[in-house]
């Protein structure tokens, strides 16, 4: 007899390859806005943007800033840092958000693993932090929608992970019992600690590229350090394919 009935998945960095898809969308955005002559080093540009975006999302999850501030500041700060003038940050954001959810790159073996779990009879759902219109489009464009019964998005529920309310809402909506449910994700703070504090089991996908980062401000530059992953989760795996062994 299997231990769980309901599997709750994170989306970004767990199923959907956020880094690759974001970079593709950014490259398309730069070309559309004819900024390639001002952005000499794309890797340097995207790296800085990713760091700023990560920090702003952390503030957004803590409800210290609102959505309009997040989407403006991430491009405003990046453009300012590279002294790129004459481009409206909101226009750049609009181009980026139109392109980004259309990208289809998933992590290796995602579809194969979901098909296996679906055939085993698990009820699968997504709990994701993000903007409603963007997250739904990602799921549709990448071919994930046939595998999931319900999708729970923080913007709709007004409670981002790790807030207990989003887990409570998801389980109640699915009529799922805590002891028969498990959360699967790459973020130890949002997915793993959030699920543990709510009282359900967790599977941590040890993707070190997506650990939370802390910004340290210095007079001449900003630096970032990564926090360490937890050791007391229900399960820790290296790739999503390992779910076929666990479940």
C-alpha atoms as a PDB file:
ATOM      1  CA  UNK A   1       0.000   0.000   0.000  1.00  0.00           C
ATOM      2  CA  UNK A   2       1.417   3.365  -0.972  1.00  0.00           C
ATOM      3  CA  UNK A   3       2.018   5.957   1.708  1.00  0.00           C
ATOM      4  CA  UNK A   4       0.722   9.067  -0.123  1.00  0.00           C
ATOM      5  CA  UNK A   5      -2.309   9.934  -2.240  1.00  0.00           C
ATOM      6  CA  UNK A   6      -1.617  13.578  -3.098  1.00  0.00           C
ATOM      7  CA  UNK A   7       1.654  14.907  -4.501  1.00  0.00           C
ATOM      8  CA  UNK A   8       2.090  18.691  -4.405  1.00  0.00           C
ATOM      9  CA  UNK A   9       4.820  20.004  -6.710  1.00  0.00           C
ATOM     10  CA  UNK A  10       6.592  23.319  -6.917  1.00  0.00           C
ATOM     11  CA  UNK A  11       6.854  24.653 -10.492  1.00  0.00           C
ATOM     12  CA  UNK A  12       9.877  26.914 -11.051  1.00  0.00           C
ATOM     13  CA  UNK A  13      13.298  25.282 -10.561  1.00  0.00           C
ATOM     14  CA  UNK A  14      11.553  21.960  -9.848  1.00  0.00           C
ATOM     15  CA  UNK A  15       9.700  21.070 -13.056  1.00  0.00           C
ATOM     16  CA  UNK A  16      10.124  24.135 -15.262  1.00  0.00           C
ATOM     17  CA  UNK A  17      13.737  25.129 -15.972  1.00  0.00           C
ATOM     18  CA  UNK A  18      13.504  28.737 -14.851  1.00  0.00           C
ATOM     19  CA  UNK A  19      17.138  29.691 -15.467  1.00  0.00           C
ATOM     20  CA  UNK A  20      17.253  28.441 -19.059  1.00  0.00           C
ATOM     21  CA  UNK A  21      13.819  29.775 -19.960  1.00  0.00           C
ATOM     22  CA  UNK A  22      14.434  33.142 -18.340  1.00  0.00           C
ATOM     23  CA  UNK A  23      17.703  33.557 -20.205  1.00  0.00           C
ATOM     24  CA  UNK A  24      16.091  32.708 -23.538  1.00  0.00           C
ATOM     25  CA  UNK A  25      13.333  35.227 -22.874  1.00  0.00           C
ATOM     26  CA  UNK A  26      15.866  37.875 -21.879  1.00  0.00           C
ATOM     27  CA  UNK A  27      17.871  37.345 -25.063  1.00  0.00           C
ATOM     28  CA  UNK A  28      14.702  37.750 -27.131  1.00  0.00           C
ATOM     29  CA  UNK A  29      13.751  40.868 -25.164  1.00  0.00           C
ATOM     30  CA  UNK A  30      17.154  42.469 -25.728  1.00  0.00           C
ATOM     31  CA  UNK A  31      16.900  41.851 -29.475  1.00  0.00           C
ATOM     32  CA  UNK A  32      13.335  43.174 -29.686  1.00  0.00           C
ATOM     33  CA  UNK A  33      14.312  46.378 -27.868  1.00  0.00           C
ATOM     34  CA  UNK A  34      17.536  46.685 -29.899  1.00  0.00           C
ATOM     35  CA  UNK A  35      19.710  46.785 -26.796  1.00  0.00           C
ATOM     36  CA  UNK A  36      22.392  44.370 -27.977  1.00  0.00           C
ATOM     37  CA  UNK A  37      24.840  47.203 -28.726  1.00  0.00           C
ATOM     38  CA  UNK A  38      24.523  48.465 -25.131  1.00  0.00           C
ATOM     39  CA  UNK A  39      24.746  45.052 -23.478  1.00  0.00           C
ATOM     40  CA  UNK A  40      28.208  43.871 -24.419  1.00  0.00           C
ATOM     41  CA  UNK A  41      28.435  41.035 -21.899  1.00  0.00           C
ATOM     42  CA  UNK A  42      25.125  39.154 -21.704  1.00  0.00           C
ATOM     43  CA  UNK A  43      26.330  36.812 -18.947  1.00  0.00           C
ATOM     44  CA  UNK A  44      27.237  39.728 -16.719  1.00  0.00           C
ATOM     45  CA  UNK A  45      23.903  41.416 -17.442  1.00  0.00           C
ATOM     46  CA  UNK A  46      21.736  38.355 -16.798  1.00  0.00           C
ATOM     47  CA  UNK A  47      23.693  37.406 -13.684  1.00  0.00           C
ATOM     48  CA  UNK A  48      23.117  40.814 -12.140  1.00  0.00           C
ATOM     49  CA  UNK A  49      19.430  40.737 -13.105  1.00  0.00           C
ATOM     50  CA  UNK A  50      18.979  37.264 -11.604  1.00  0.00           C
ATOM     51  CA  UNK A  51      20.487  38.354  -8.299  1.00  0.00           C
ATOM     52  CA  UNK A  52      18.349  41.485  -8.084  1.00  0.00           C
ATOM     53  CA  UNK A  53      15.228  39.575  -9.105  1.00  0.00           C
ATOM     54  CA  UNK A  54      15.877  36.937  -6.443  1.00  0.00           C
ATOM     55  CA  UNK A  55      16.233  39.553  -3.731  1.00  0.00           C
ATOM     56  CA  UNK A  56      13.091  41.406  -4.785  1.00  0.00           C
ATOM     57  CA  UNK A  57      11.083  38.179  -4.844  1.00  0.00           C
ATOM     58  CA  UNK A  58      12.215  37.490  -1.297  1.00  0.00           C
ATOM     59  CA  UNK A  59      10.892  40.908  -0.261  1.00  0.00           C
ATOM     60  CA  UNK A  60       7.674  40.239  -2.181  1.00  0.00           C
ATOM     61  CA  UNK A  61       7.175  36.894  -0.411  1.00  0.00           C
ATOM     62  CA  UNK A  62       7.589  38.704   2.901  1.00  0.00           C
ATOM     63  CA  UNK A  63       5.014  41.261   1.694  1.00  0.00           C
ATOM     64  CA  UNK A  64       7.540  44.079   2.116  1.00  0.00           C
ATOM     65  CA  UNK A  65       7.006  45.236  -1.483  1.00  0.00           C
ATOM     66  CA  UNK A  66       4.106  44.895  -3.911  1.00  0.00           C
ATOM     67  CA  UNK A  67       3.960  43.449  -7.421  1.00  0.00           C
ATOM     68  CA  UNK A  68       4.335  46.819  -9.255  1.00  0.00           C
ATOM     69  CA  UNK A  69       7.481  47.595  -7.245  1.00  0.00           C
ATOM     70  CA  UNK A  70       8.968  44.185  -7.980  1.00  0.00           C
ATOM     71  CA  UNK A  71       8.476  44.301 -11.740  1.00  0.00           C
ATOM     72  CA  UNK A  72       9.698  47.890 -12.025  1.00  0.00           C
ATOM     73  CA  UNK A  73      12.689  47.696  -9.702  1.00  0.00           C
ATOM     74  CA  UNK A  74      14.216  44.532 -11.140  1.00  0.00           C
ATOM     75  CA  UNK A  75      14.690  46.157 -14.544  1.00  0.00           C
ATOM     76  CA  UNK A  76      15.153  49.695 -13.259  1.00  0.00           C
ATOM     77  CA  UNK A  77      18.043  48.632 -11.020  1.00  0.00           C
ATOM     78  CA  UNK A  78      19.616  46.445 -13.699  1.00  0.00           C
ATOM     79  CA  UNK A  79      19.440  49.088 -16.431  1.00  0.00           C
ATOM     80  CA  UNK A  80      20.797  51.712 -14.048  1.00  0.00           C
ATOM     81  CA  UNK A  81      23.685  49.489 -12.967  1.00  0.00           C
ATOM     82  CA  UNK A  82      24.810  49.030 -16.581  1.00  0.00           C
ATOM     83  CA  UNK A  83      24.144  52.709 -17.412  1.00  0.00           C
ATOM     84  CA  UNK A  84      21.598  51.859 -20.093  1.00  0.00           C
ATOM     85  CA  UNK A  85      19.432  54.900 -20.724  1.00  0.00           C
ATOM     86  CA  UNK A  86      16.363  55.545 -22.851  1.00  0.00           C
ATOM     87  CA  UNK A  87      14.636  52.238 -22.110  1.00  0.00           C
ATOM     88  CA  UNK A  88      11.514  52.212 -19.958  1.00  0.00           C
ATOM     89  CA  UNK A  89      11.866  49.461 -17.305  1.00  0.00           C
ATOM     90  CA  UNK A  90       8.161  48.673 -17.567  1.00  0.00           C
ATOM     91  CA  UNK A  91       8.366  48.271 -21.337  1.00  0.00           C
ATOM     92  CA  UNK A  92      11.275  45.881 -20.899  1.00  0.00           C
ATOM     93  CA  UNK A  93       9.344  43.975 -18.247  1.00  0.00           C
ATOM     94  CA  UNK A  94       6.318  43.689 -20.546  1.00  0.00           C
ATOM     95  CA  UNK A  95       8.432  42.252 -23.361  1.00  0.00           C
ATOM     96  CA  UNK A  96      10.137  39.838 -20.986  1.00  0.00           C
ATOM     97  CA  UNK A  97       6.899  38.617 -19.393  1.00  0.00           C
ATOM     98  CA  UNK A  98       5.351  38.017 -22.807  1.00  0.00           C
ATOM     99  CA  UNK A  99       8.292  35.878 -23.904  1.00  0.00           C
ATOM    100  CA  UNK A 100       9.217  34.085 -20.701  1.00  0.00           C
ATOM    101  CA  UNK A 101       6.112  31.894 -20.115  1.00  0.00           C
ATOM    102  CA  UNK A 102       6.195  30.747 -23.748  1.00  0.00           C
ATOM    103  CA  UNK A 103       9.513  28.974 -23.196  1.00  0.00           C
ATOM    104  CA  UNK A 104       9.161  25.203 -22.870  1.00  0.00           C
ATOM    105  CA  UNK A 105      12.343  23.860 -21.308  1.00  0.00           C
ATOM    106  CA  UNK A 106      11.704  21.363 -18.505  1.00  0.00           C
ATOM    107  CA  UNK A 107      14.287  19.580 -16.398  1.00  0.00           C
ATOM    108  CA  UNK A 108      15.442  16.166 -17.668  1.00  0.00           C
ATOM    109  CA  UNK A 109      13.022  13.264 -17.175  1.00  0.00           C
ATOM    110  CA  UNK A 110      10.169  15.468 -15.913  1.00  0.00           C
ATOM    111  CA  UNK A 111       7.513  14.214 -18.343  1.00  0.00           C
ATOM    112  CA  UNK A 112       8.700  10.618 -18.030  1.00  0.00           C
ATOM    113  CA  UNK A 113       8.489  10.829 -14.232  1.00  0.00           C
ATOM    114  CA  UNK A 114       5.072  12.501 -14.217  1.00  0.00           C
ATOM    115  CA  UNK A 115       3.719   9.844 -16.568  1.00  0.00           C
ATOM    116  CA  UNK A 116       4.991   7.144 -14.225  1.00  0.00           C
ATOM    117  CA  UNK A 117       3.395   8.783 -11.186  1.00  0.00           C
ATOM    118  CA  UNK A 118       0.146   9.366 -13.048  1.00  0.00           C
ATOM    119  CA  UNK A 119      -0.004   5.702 -14.029  1.00  0.00           C
ATOM    120  CA  UNK A 120       0.551   4.779 -10.385  1.00  0.00           C
ATOM    121  CA  UNK A 121      -2.662   6.631  -9.564  1.00  0.00           C
ATOM    122  CA  UNK A 122      -1.293   9.593  -7.626  1.00  0.00           C
ATOM    123  CA  UNK A 123      -3.299  12.807  -7.606  1.00  0.00           C
ATOM    124  CA  UNK A 124      -0.854  15.550  -8.531  1.00  0.00           C
ATOM    125  CA  UNK A 125      -1.114  19.291  -7.996  1.00  0.00           C
ATOM    126  CA  UNK A 126       1.095  22.382  -8.225  1.00  0.00           C
ATOM    127  CA  UNK A 127       1.680  24.955  -5.484  1.00  0.00           C
ATOM    128  CA  UNK A 128       3.682  27.844  -6.889  1.00  0.00           C
ATOM    129  CA  UNK A 129       4.721  31.363  -5.981  1.00  0.00           C
ATOM    130  CA  UNK A 130       4.268  33.712  -8.898  1.00  0.00           C
ATOM    131  CA  UNK A 131       1.963  35.817 -11.005  1.00  0.00           C
ATOM    132  CA  UNK A 132      -1.281  34.138 -12.038  1.00  0.00           C
ATOM    133  CA  UNK A 133      -1.224  34.811 -15.774  1.00  0.00           C
ATOM    134  CA  UNK A 134       2.458  33.884 -16.098  1.00  0.00           C
ATOM    135  CA  UNK A 135       2.342  30.621 -14.145  1.00  0.00           C
ATOM    136  CA  UNK A 136      -0.733  29.291 -15.950  1.00  0.00           C
ATOM    137  CA  UNK A 137       0.855  30.044 -19.305  1.00  0.00           C
ATOM    138  CA  UNK A 138       4.096  28.285 -18.341  1.00  0.00           C
ATOM    139  CA  UNK A 139       2.166  25.144 -17.439  1.00  0.00           C
ATOM    140  CA  UNK A 140       0.192  25.179 -20.692  1.00  0.00           C
ATOM    141  CA  UNK A 141       3.108  26.043 -22.981  1.00  0.00           C
ATOM    142  CA  UNK A 142       5.435  23.408 -21.552  1.00  0.00           C
ATOM    143  CA  UNK A 143       2.933  20.554 -21.742  1.00  0.00           C
ATOM    144  CA  UNK A 144       2.580  20.060 -17.984  1.00  0.00           C
ATOM    145  CA  UNK A 145      -1.159  20.664 -17.681  1.00  0.00           C
ATOM    146  CA  UNK A 146      -2.365  17.087 -18.455  1.00  0.00           C
ATOM    147  CA  UNK A 147      -0.604  15.755 -15.368  1.00  0.00           C
ATOM    148  CA  UNK A 148      -2.059  18.041 -12.703  1.00  0.00           C
ATOM    149  CA  UNK A 149      -5.550  18.172 -11.242  1.00  0.00           C
ATOM    150  CA  UNK A 150      -5.211  21.539  -9.491  1.00  0.00           C
ATOM    151  CA  UNK A 151      -2.856  24.521  -9.642  1.00  0.00           C
ATOM    152  CA  UNK A 152      -2.510  26.859  -6.654  1.00  0.00           C
ATOM    153  CA  UNK A 153      -0.792  30.195  -7.297  1.00  0.00           C
ATOM    154  CA  UNK A 154       0.263  32.543  -4.522  1.00  0.00           C
ATOM    155  CA  UNK A 155      -1.054  35.681  -6.228  1.00  0.00           C
ATOM    156  CA  UNK A 156      -4.552  34.183  -6.435  1.00  0.00           C
ATOM    157  CA  UNK A 157      -4.559  32.937  -2.856  1.00  0.00           C
ATOM    158  CA  UNK A 158      -2.781  36.013  -1.452  1.00  0.00           C
ATOM    159  CA  UNK A 159      -0.449  33.818   0.572  1.00  0.00           C
ATOM    160  CA  UNK A 160       2.983  32.911  -0.845  1.00  0.00           C
ATOM    161  CA  UNK A 161       4.919  29.873   0.304  1.00  0.00           C
ATOM    162  CA  UNK A 162       6.116  29.311   3.023  1.00  0.00           C
ATOM    163  CA  UNK A 163       2.911  30.784   4.484  1.00  0.00           C
ATOM    164  CA  UNK A 164       0.828  27.962   5.991  1.00  0.00           C
ATOM    165  CA  UNK A 165      -2.320  29.387   4.435  1.00  0.00           C
ATOM    166  CA  UNK A 166      -1.410  28.369   0.891  1.00  0.00           C
ATOM    167  CA  UNK A 167      -0.792  24.774   1.994  1.00  0.00           C
ATOM    168  CA  UNK A 168      -4.014  24.758   4.004  1.00  0.00           C
ATOM    169  CA  UNK A 169      -5.976  26.112   1.050  1.00  0.00           C
ATOM    170  CA  UNK A 170      -4.465  23.570  -1.343  1.00  0.00           C
ATOM    171  CA  UNK A 171      -5.088  20.535   0.848  1.00  0.00           C
ATOM    172  CA  UNK A 172      -8.606  21.640   1.750  1.00  0.00           C
ATOM    173  CA  UNK A 173      -9.453  22.260  -1.912  1.00  0.00           C
ATOM    174  CA  UNK A 174      -8.245  18.768  -2.826  1.00  0.00           C
ATOM    175  CA  UNK A 175      -9.837  17.115   0.204  1.00  0.00           C
ATOM    176  CA  UNK A 176      -6.376  15.797   1.012  1.00  0.00           C
ATOM    177  CA  UNK A 177      -5.242  14.552   4.399  1.00  0.00           C
ATOM    178  CA  UNK A 178      -1.965  15.796   5.828  1.00  0.00           C
ATOM    179  CA  UNK A 179      -0.624  12.316   6.525  1.00  0.00           C
ATOM    180  CA  UNK A 180      -1.372  11.261   2.933  1.00  0.00           C
ATOM    181  CA  UNK A 181       0.202  14.307   1.254  1.00  0.00           C
ATOM    182  CA  UNK A 182       3.754  15.314   0.383  1.00  0.00           C
ATOM    183  CA  UNK A 183       5.364  18.493  -0.976  1.00  0.00           C
ATOM    184  CA  UNK A 184       8.069  18.221  -3.647  1.00  0.00           C
ATOM    185  CA  UNK A 185      10.293  21.200  -4.387  1.00  0.00           C
ATOM    186  CA  UNK A 186      13.726  22.763  -4.651  1.00  0.00           C
ATOM    187  CA  UNK A 187      13.403  25.665  -2.206  1.00  0.00           C
ATOM    188  CA  UNK A 188      14.193  24.700   1.364  1.00  0.00           C
ATOM    189  CA  UNK A 189      12.579  27.854   2.716  1.00  0.00           C
ATOM    190  CA  UNK A 190       9.425  28.054   0.604  1.00  0.00           C
ATOM    191  CA  UNK A 191       8.746  24.386  -0.122  1.00  0.00           C
ATOM    192  CA  UNK A 192      10.440  22.330   2.560  1.00  0.00           C
ATOM    193  CA  UNK A 193      10.228  24.478   5.677  1.00  0.00           C
ATOM    194  CA  UNK A 194       6.801  25.687   4.589  1.00  0.00           C
ATOM    195  CA  UNK A 195       5.500  22.133   4.241  1.00  0.00           C
ATOM    196  CA  UNK A 196       7.204  20.963   7.441  1.00  0.00           C
ATOM    197  CA  UNK A 197       5.754  23.833   9.463  1.00  0.00           C
ATOM    198  CA  UNK A 198       2.322  23.051   8.057  1.00  0.00           C
ATOM    199  CA  UNK A 199       2.713  19.411   9.016  1.00  0.00           C
ATOM    200  CA  UNK A 200       3.152  17.465   5.785  1.00  0.00           C
ATOM    201  CA  UNK A 201       6.041  15.391   4.458  1.00  0.00           C
ATOM    202  CA  UNK A 202       8.565  16.830   2.027  1.00  0.00           C
ATOM    203  CA  UNK A 203      10.889  15.770  -0.769  1.00  0.00           C
ATOM    204  CA  UNK A 204      13.724  18.218  -1.289  1.00  0.00           C
ATOM    205  CA  UNK A 205      15.244  18.288  -4.779  1.00  0.00           C
ATOM    206  CA  UNK A 206      18.825  19.292  -4.044  1.00  0.00           C
ATOM    207  CA  UNK A 207      19.224  21.912  -6.749  1.00  0.00           C
ATOM    208  CA  UNK A 208      21.855  24.143  -5.165  1.00  0.00           C
ATOM    209  CA  UNK A 209      21.440  26.829  -7.824  1.00  0.00           C
ATOM    210  CA  UNK A 210      18.091  27.785  -6.328  1.00  0.00           C
ATOM    211  CA  UNK A 211      18.966  28.138  -2.651  1.00  0.00           C
ATOM    212  CA  UNK A 212      17.944  31.487  -1.180  1.00  0.00           C
ATOM    213  CA  UNK A 213      20.651  34.124  -1.362  1.00  0.00           C
ATOM    214  CA  UNK A 214      21.385  36.977   0.962  1.00  0.00           C
ATOM    215  CA  UNK A 215      22.611  40.325  -0.302  1.00  0.00           C
ATOM    216  CA  UNK A 216      25.395  42.124   1.523  1.00  0.00           C
ATOM    217  CA  UNK A 217      25.694  45.779   0.619  1.00  0.00           C
ATOM    218  CA  UNK A 218      29.141  47.362   0.469  1.00  0.00           C
ATOM    219  CA  UNK A 219      30.163  50.922  -0.430  1.00  0.00           C
ATOM    220  CA  UNK A 220      31.193  50.025  -3.969  1.00  0.00           C
ATOM    221  CA  UNK A 221      29.364  46.812  -4.786  1.00  0.00           C
ATOM    222  CA  UNK A 222      26.776  44.267  -3.728  1.00  0.00           C
ATOM    223  CA  UNK A 223      27.798  40.698  -2.988  1.00  0.00           C
ATOM    224  CA  UNK A 224      25.696  37.587  -2.513  1.00  0.00           C
ATOM    225  CA  UNK A 225      26.205  34.460  -0.433  1.00  0.00           C
ATOM    226  CA  UNK A 226      24.190  31.256  -0.574  1.00  0.00           C
ATOM    227  CA  UNK A 227      22.624  29.682   2.462  1.00  0.00           C
ATOM    228  CA  UNK A 228      22.968  25.970   3.166  1.00  0.00           C
ATOM    229  CA  UNK A 229      20.352  23.280   2.453  1.00  0.00           C
ATOM    230  CA  UNK A 230      18.504  21.581   5.305  1.00  0.00           C
ATOM    231  CA  UNK A 231      19.363  18.103   6.525  1.00  0.00           C
ATOM    232  CA  UNK A 232      16.150  17.117   8.322  1.00  0.00           C
ATOM    233  CA  UNK A 233      13.707  16.787   5.431  1.00  0.00           C
ATOM    234  CA  UNK A 234      11.643  13.642   4.882  1.00  0.00           C
ATOM    235  CA  UNK A 235      13.622  12.828   1.720  1.00  0.00           C
ATOM    236  CA  UNK A 236      16.456  14.498  -0.211  1.00  0.00           C
ATOM    237  CA  UNK A 237      17.046  13.630  -3.867  1.00  0.00           C
ATOM    238  CA  UNK A 238      19.313  14.955  -6.604  1.00  0.00           C
ATOM    239  CA  UNK A 239      16.894  14.805  -9.539  1.00  0.00           C
ATOM    240  CA  UNK A 240      13.192  14.403 -10.162  1.00  0.00           C
ATOM    241  CA  UNK A 241      13.768  10.997 -11.759  1.00  0.00           C
ATOM    242  CA  UNK A 242      14.481   9.609  -8.274  1.00  0.00           C
ATOM    243  CA  UNK A 243      10.785  10.011  -7.450  1.00  0.00           C
ATOM    244  CA  UNK A 244      10.157   6.771  -9.331  1.00  0.00           C
ATOM    245  CA  UNK A 245      12.249   5.020  -6.694  1.00  0.00           C
ATOM    246  CA  UNK A 246      10.633   6.723  -3.710  1.00  0.00           C
ATOM    247  CA  UNK A 247       6.975   6.724  -4.711  1.00  0.00           C
END
